[in-house]
Amino acid sequence: MTVVFPILIILLTIAGMEMISWAMHKYLFHGPLWFIHKTHHQERHGFFELNDIFSLLFGAIAVGLMWFDRETRSYPFWIGAGISVYGIIYFIFHDWFIHNRFKAFKSRNKYLSGIRRAHKIHHKSTEKNPSEEFGLLVASRKYFKGSK
């Protein structure tokens, strides 16, 4: 197997995870699973919040796929690796850069500023609805206008 196959599967999985995460966030987290997700829209009183259970779930799926296919390292293994890479991106972008779980790093990058602005708009409401901008890596163009 060439190195191109795993890289392609990982990149496609990251793109797929952004779409799946968007839909889950909009229709499940701001729907029937709001009772868990609302902890993410409230002031945090410690390092962890109940909403972190979703990250554990995705992590368990990723590890399960990689463990299940550890011998052959075909599609399931690389899909699990892609979910893991998306999780790392999520941690850096969302938990560190946007929500300051650690000392936040500053950036004047137009893309990062737009993503941060869109996410702040998402958190403007502490209620289930109304809400907008459910993605992690993709946001409406309006949040990138005027970014420096």
C-alpha atoms as a PDB file:
ATOM      1  CA  MET A   1       0.000   0.000   0.000  1.00  0.00           C
ATOM      2  CA  THR A   2       1.387   3.386  -0.948  1.00  0.00           C
ATOM      3  CA  VAL A   3       1.473   6.327   1.414  1.00  0.00           C
ATOM      4  CA  VAL A   4      -1.063   8.117  -0.804  1.00  0.00           C
ATOM      5  CA  PHE A   5      -3.912   5.767   0.199  1.00  0.00           C
ATOM      6  CA  PRO A   6      -3.713   6.442   3.961  1.00  0.00           C
ATOM      7  CA  ILE A   7      -3.282  10.190   3.448  1.00  0.00           C
ATOM      8  CA  LEU A   8      -6.281  10.305   1.108  1.00  0.00           C
ATOM      9  CA  ILE A   9      -8.477   8.330   3.528  1.00  0.00           C
ATOM     10  CA  ILE A  10      -7.397  10.536   6.453  1.00  0.00           C
ATOM     11  CA  LEU A  11      -8.149  13.752   4.512  1.00  0.00           C
ATOM     12  CA  LEU A  12     -11.525  12.444   3.321  1.00  0.00           C
ATOM     13  CA  THR A  13     -12.348  11.402   6.887  1.00  0.00           C
ATOM     14  CA  ILE A  14     -11.482  14.870   8.211  1.00  0.00           C
ATOM     15  CA  ALA A  15     -13.808  16.414   5.603  1.00  0.00           C
ATOM     16  CA  GLY A  16     -16.490  13.865   6.452  1.00  0.00           C
ATOM     17  CA  MET A  17     -16.088  14.523  10.170  1.00  0.00           C
ATOM     18  CA  GLU A  18     -16.640  18.236   9.618  1.00  0.00           C
ATOM     19  CA  MET A  19     -19.929  17.462   7.844  1.00  0.00           C
ATOM     20  CA  ILE A  20     -21.005  14.827  10.380  1.00  0.00           C
ATOM     21  CA  SER A  21     -20.023  17.042  13.311  1.00  0.00           C
ATOM     22  CA  TRP A  22     -21.948  19.981  11.843  1.00  0.00           C
ATOM     23  CA  ALA A  23     -25.103  17.884  11.462  1.00  0.00           C
ATOM     24  CA  MET A  24     -24.746  16.280  14.893  1.00  0.00           C
ATOM     25  CA  HIS A  25     -24.130  19.662  16.497  1.00  0.00           C
ATOM     26  CA  LYS A  26     -27.159  21.272  14.852  1.00  0.00           C
ATOM     27  CA  TYR A  27     -29.674  18.431  14.997  1.00  0.00           C
ATOM     28  CA  LEU A  28     -28.605  16.348  18.011  1.00  0.00           C
ATOM     29  CA  PHE A  29     -26.592  18.586  20.349  1.00  0.00           C
ATOM     30  CA  HIS A  30     -29.008  21.498  19.906  1.00  0.00           C
ATOM     31  CA  GLY A  31     -31.856  18.995  19.801  1.00  0.00           C
ATOM     32  CA  PRO A  32     -32.467  15.917  21.958  1.00  0.00           C
ATOM     33  CA  LEU A  33     -28.929  15.932  23.441  1.00  0.00           C
ATOM     34  CA  TRP A  34     -29.137  19.560  24.593  1.00  0.00           C
ATOM     35  CA  PHE A  35     -29.278  18.414  28.223  1.00  0.00           C
ATOM     36  CA  ILE A  36     -25.626  17.359  27.818  1.00  0.00           C
ATOM     37  CA  HIS A  37     -24.434  19.994  25.334  1.00  0.00           C
ATOM     38  CA  LYS A  38     -25.855  22.948  27.293  1.00  0.00           C
ATOM     39  CA  THR A  39     -22.939  22.601  29.717  1.00  0.00           C
ATOM     40  CA  HIS A  40     -20.764  23.859  26.866  1.00  0.00           C
ATOM     41  CA  HIS A  41     -22.886  27.005  26.523  1.00  0.00           C
ATOM     42  CA  GLN A  42     -22.715  27.805  30.239  1.00  0.00           C
ATOM     43  CA  GLU A  43     -19.898  29.161  32.341  1.00  0.00           C
ATOM     44  CA  ARG A  44     -17.457  26.357  33.090  1.00  0.00           C
ATOM     45  CA  HIS A  45     -16.792  25.662  36.783  1.00  0.00           C
ATOM     46  CA  GLY A  46     -13.773  23.449  36.321  1.00  0.00           C
ATOM     47  CA  PHE A  47     -11.601  22.017  33.616  1.00  0.00           C
ATOM     48  CA  PHE A  48     -14.166  19.471  32.386  1.00  0.00           C
ATOM     49  CA  GLU A  49     -17.804  19.792  31.419  1.00  0.00           C
ATOM     50  CA  LEU A  50     -20.442  17.145  30.723  1.00  0.00           C
ATOM     51  CA  ASN A  51     -20.243  18.011  27.008  1.00  0.00           C
ATOM     52  CA  ASP A  52     -16.734  16.463  26.946  1.00  0.00           C
ATOM     53  CA  ILE A  53     -18.434  13.067  26.843  1.00  0.00           C
ATOM     54  CA  PHE A  54     -18.915  13.607  23.100  1.00  0.00           C
ATOM     55  CA  SER A  55     -15.141  13.858  22.605  1.00  0.00           C
ATOM     56  CA  LEU A  56     -14.698  10.643  24.570  1.00  0.00           C
ATOM     57  CA  LEU A  57     -17.279   8.944  22.347  1.00  0.00           C
ATOM     58  CA  PHE A  58     -15.521  10.015  19.122  1.00  0.00           C
ATOM     59  CA  GLY A  59     -12.180   9.002  20.629  1.00  0.00           C
ATOM     60  CA  ALA A  60     -13.521   5.558  21.520  1.00  0.00           C
ATOM     61  CA  ILE A  61     -14.844   5.094  17.980  1.00  0.00           C
ATOM     62  CA  ALA A  62     -11.470   6.108  16.509  1.00  0.00           C
ATOM     63  CA  VAL A  63      -9.484   3.812  18.800  1.00  0.00           C
ATOM     64  CA  GLY A  64     -11.953   0.986  18.186  1.00  0.00           C
ATOM     65  CA  LEU A  65     -11.582   1.277  14.411  1.00  0.00           C
ATOM     66  CA  MET A  66      -7.785   1.341  14.610  1.00  0.00           C
ATOM     67  CA  TRP A  67      -7.674  -1.561  17.059  1.00  0.00           C
ATOM     68  CA  PHE A  68     -10.140  -3.625  15.013  1.00  0.00           C
ATOM     69  CA  ASP A  69      -8.032  -3.213  11.856  1.00  0.00           C
ATOM     70  CA  ARG A  70      -4.561  -3.120  13.437  1.00  0.00           C
ATOM     71  CA  GLU A  71      -3.394  -6.165  11.470  1.00  0.00           C
ATOM     72  CA  THR A  72      -4.327  -5.154   7.918  1.00  0.00           C
ATOM     73  CA  ARG A  73      -4.417  -1.371   8.270  1.00  0.00           C
ATOM     74  CA  SER A  74      -6.974  -0.876   5.543  1.00  0.00           C
ATOM     75  CA  TYR A  75      -9.994   1.475   5.448  1.00  0.00           C
ATOM     76  CA  PRO A  76     -11.164   1.138   9.071  1.00  0.00           C
ATOM     77  CA  PHE A  77      -7.700   1.826  10.487  1.00  0.00           C
ATOM     78  CA  TRP A  78      -7.171   4.965   8.411  1.00  0.00           C
ATOM     79  CA  ILE A  79     -10.709   6.196   9.054  1.00  0.00           C
ATOM     80  CA  GLY A  80      -9.961   5.840  12.774  1.00  0.00           C
ATOM     81  CA  ALA A  81      -6.721   7.752  12.230  1.00  0.00           C
ATOM     82  CA  GLY A  82      -8.652  10.485  10.391  1.00  0.00           C
ATOM     83  CA  ILE A  83     -11.150  10.762  13.254  1.00  0.00           C
ATOM     84  CA  SER A  84      -8.171  11.050  15.613  1.00  0.00           C
ATOM     85  CA  VAL A  85      -6.596  13.819  13.526  1.00  0.00           C
ATOM     86  CA  TYR A  86      -9.942  15.652  13.468  1.00  0.00           C
ATOM     87  CA  GLY A  87     -10.041  15.277  17.259  1.00  0.00           C
ATOM     88  CA  ILE A  88      -6.595  16.845  17.544  1.00  0.00           C
ATOM     89  CA  ILE A  89      -7.684  19.699  15.263  1.00  0.00           C
ATOM     90  CA  TYR A  90     -10.837  20.096  17.382  1.00  0.00           C
ATOM     91  CA  PHE A  91      -8.776  20.258  20.561  1.00  0.00           C
ATOM     92  CA  ILE A  92      -6.374  22.864  19.169  1.00  0.00           C
ATOM     93  CA  PHE A  93      -8.998  25.027  17.432  1.00  0.00           C
ATOM     94  CA  HIS A  94     -11.921  24.703  19.758  1.00  0.00           C
ATOM     95  CA  ASP A  95     -10.719  23.981  23.258  1.00  0.00           C
ATOM     96  CA  TRP A  96      -7.406  25.817  23.144  1.00  0.00           C
ATOM     97  CA  PHE A  97      -7.744  28.637  20.598  1.00  0.00           C
ATOM     98  CA  ILE A  98     -11.440  29.524  20.964  1.00  0.00           C
ATOM     99  CA  HIS A  99     -12.364  28.529  24.533  1.00  0.00           C
ATOM    100  CA  ASN A 100      -9.016  29.119  26.238  1.00  0.00           C
ATOM    101  CA  ARG A 101      -8.874  25.874  28.188  1.00  0.00           C
ATOM    102  CA  PHE A 102      -5.185  26.593  28.238  1.00  0.00           C
ATOM    103  CA  LYS A 103      -3.466  29.934  27.846  1.00  0.00           C
ATOM    104  CA  ALA A 104      -4.827  31.001  24.480  1.00  0.00           C
ATOM    105  CA  PHE A 105      -2.548  31.727  21.609  1.00  0.00           C
ATOM    106  CA  LYS A 106      -3.181  34.872  19.628  1.00  0.00           C
ATOM    107  CA  SER A 107      -3.419  35.031  15.876  1.00  0.00           C
ATOM    108  CA  ARG A 108      -4.063  37.753  13.360  1.00  0.00           C
ATOM    109  CA  ASN A 109      -4.694  35.168  10.650  1.00  0.00           C
ATOM    110  CA  LYS A 110      -7.851  36.043   8.675  1.00  0.00           C
ATOM    111  CA  TYR A 111      -9.136  32.454   8.642  1.00  0.00           C
ATOM    112  CA  LEU A 112      -8.578  31.860  12.368  1.00  0.00           C
ATOM    113  CA  SER A 113     -10.118  35.223  13.268  1.00  0.00           C
ATOM    114  CA  GLY A 114     -13.205  34.420  11.179  1.00  0.00           C
ATOM    115  CA  ILE A 115     -13.605  30.982  12.745  1.00  0.00           C
ATOM    116  CA  ARG A 116     -13.258  32.472  16.221  1.00  0.00           C
ATOM    117  CA  ARG A 117     -15.810  35.196  15.395  1.00  0.00           C
ATOM    118  CA  ALA A 118     -18.315  32.618  14.070  1.00  0.00           C
ATOM    119  CA  HIS A 119     -17.901  30.457  17.152  1.00  0.00           C
ATOM    120  CA  LYS A 120     -18.387  33.429  19.464  1.00  0.00           C
ATOM    121  CA  ILE A 121     -21.648  34.185  17.625  1.00  0.00           C
ATOM    122  CA  HIS A 122     -22.671  30.560  18.154  1.00  0.00           C
ATOM    123  CA  HIS A 123     -22.130  30.968  21.894  1.00  0.00           C
ATOM    124  CA  LYS A 124     -23.880  34.328  22.077  1.00  0.00           C
ATOM    125  CA  SER A 125     -26.993  32.441  23.142  1.00  0.00           C
ATOM    126  CA  THR A 126     -26.951  30.210  26.199  1.00  0.00           C
ATOM    127  CA  GLU A 127     -30.192  28.623  25.046  1.00  0.00           C
ATOM    128  CA  LYS A 128     -30.877  25.709  22.720  1.00  0.00           C
ATOM    129  CA  ASN A 129     -32.326  28.038  20.082  1.00  0.00           C
ATOM    130  CA  PRO A 130     -31.753  30.315  18.285  1.00  0.00           C
ATOM    131  CA  SER A 131     -28.259  29.381  17.278  1.00  0.00           C
ATOM    132  CA  GLU A 132     -26.147  29.551  14.151  1.00  0.00           C
ATOM    133  CA  GLU A 133     -22.741  28.440  12.893  1.00  0.00           C
ATOM    134  CA  PHE A 134     -22.395  24.798  13.919  1.00  0.00           C
ATOM    135  CA  GLY A 135     -19.137  23.926  12.150  1.00  0.00           C
ATOM    136  CA  LEU A 136     -15.599  23.806  13.448  1.00  0.00           C
ATOM    137  CA  LEU A 137     -13.463  24.446  10.371  1.00  0.00           C
ATOM    138  CA  VAL A 138     -16.034  26.048   8.069  1.00  0.00           C
ATOM    139  CA  ALA A 139     -18.094  29.183   8.709  1.00  0.00           C
ATOM    140  CA  SER A 140     -20.149  31.634   6.686  1.00  0.00           C
ATOM    141  CA  ARG A 141     -18.211  34.160   4.636  1.00  0.00           C
ATOM    142  CA  LYS A 142     -19.658  37.070   6.612  1.00  0.00           C
ATOM    143  CA  TYR A 143     -17.380  36.225   9.561  1.00  0.00           C
ATOM    144  CA  PHE A 144     -14.259  36.647   7.466  1.00  0.00           C
ATOM    145  CA  LYS A 145     -15.050  40.130   6.181  1.00  0.00           C
ATOM    146  CA  GLY A 146     -12.999  42.785   7.884  1.00  0.00           C
ATOM    147  CA  SER A 147     -10.682  40.218   9.500  1.00  0.00           C
ATOM    148  CA  LYS A 148      -7.073  41.301   9.782  1.00  0.00           C
END
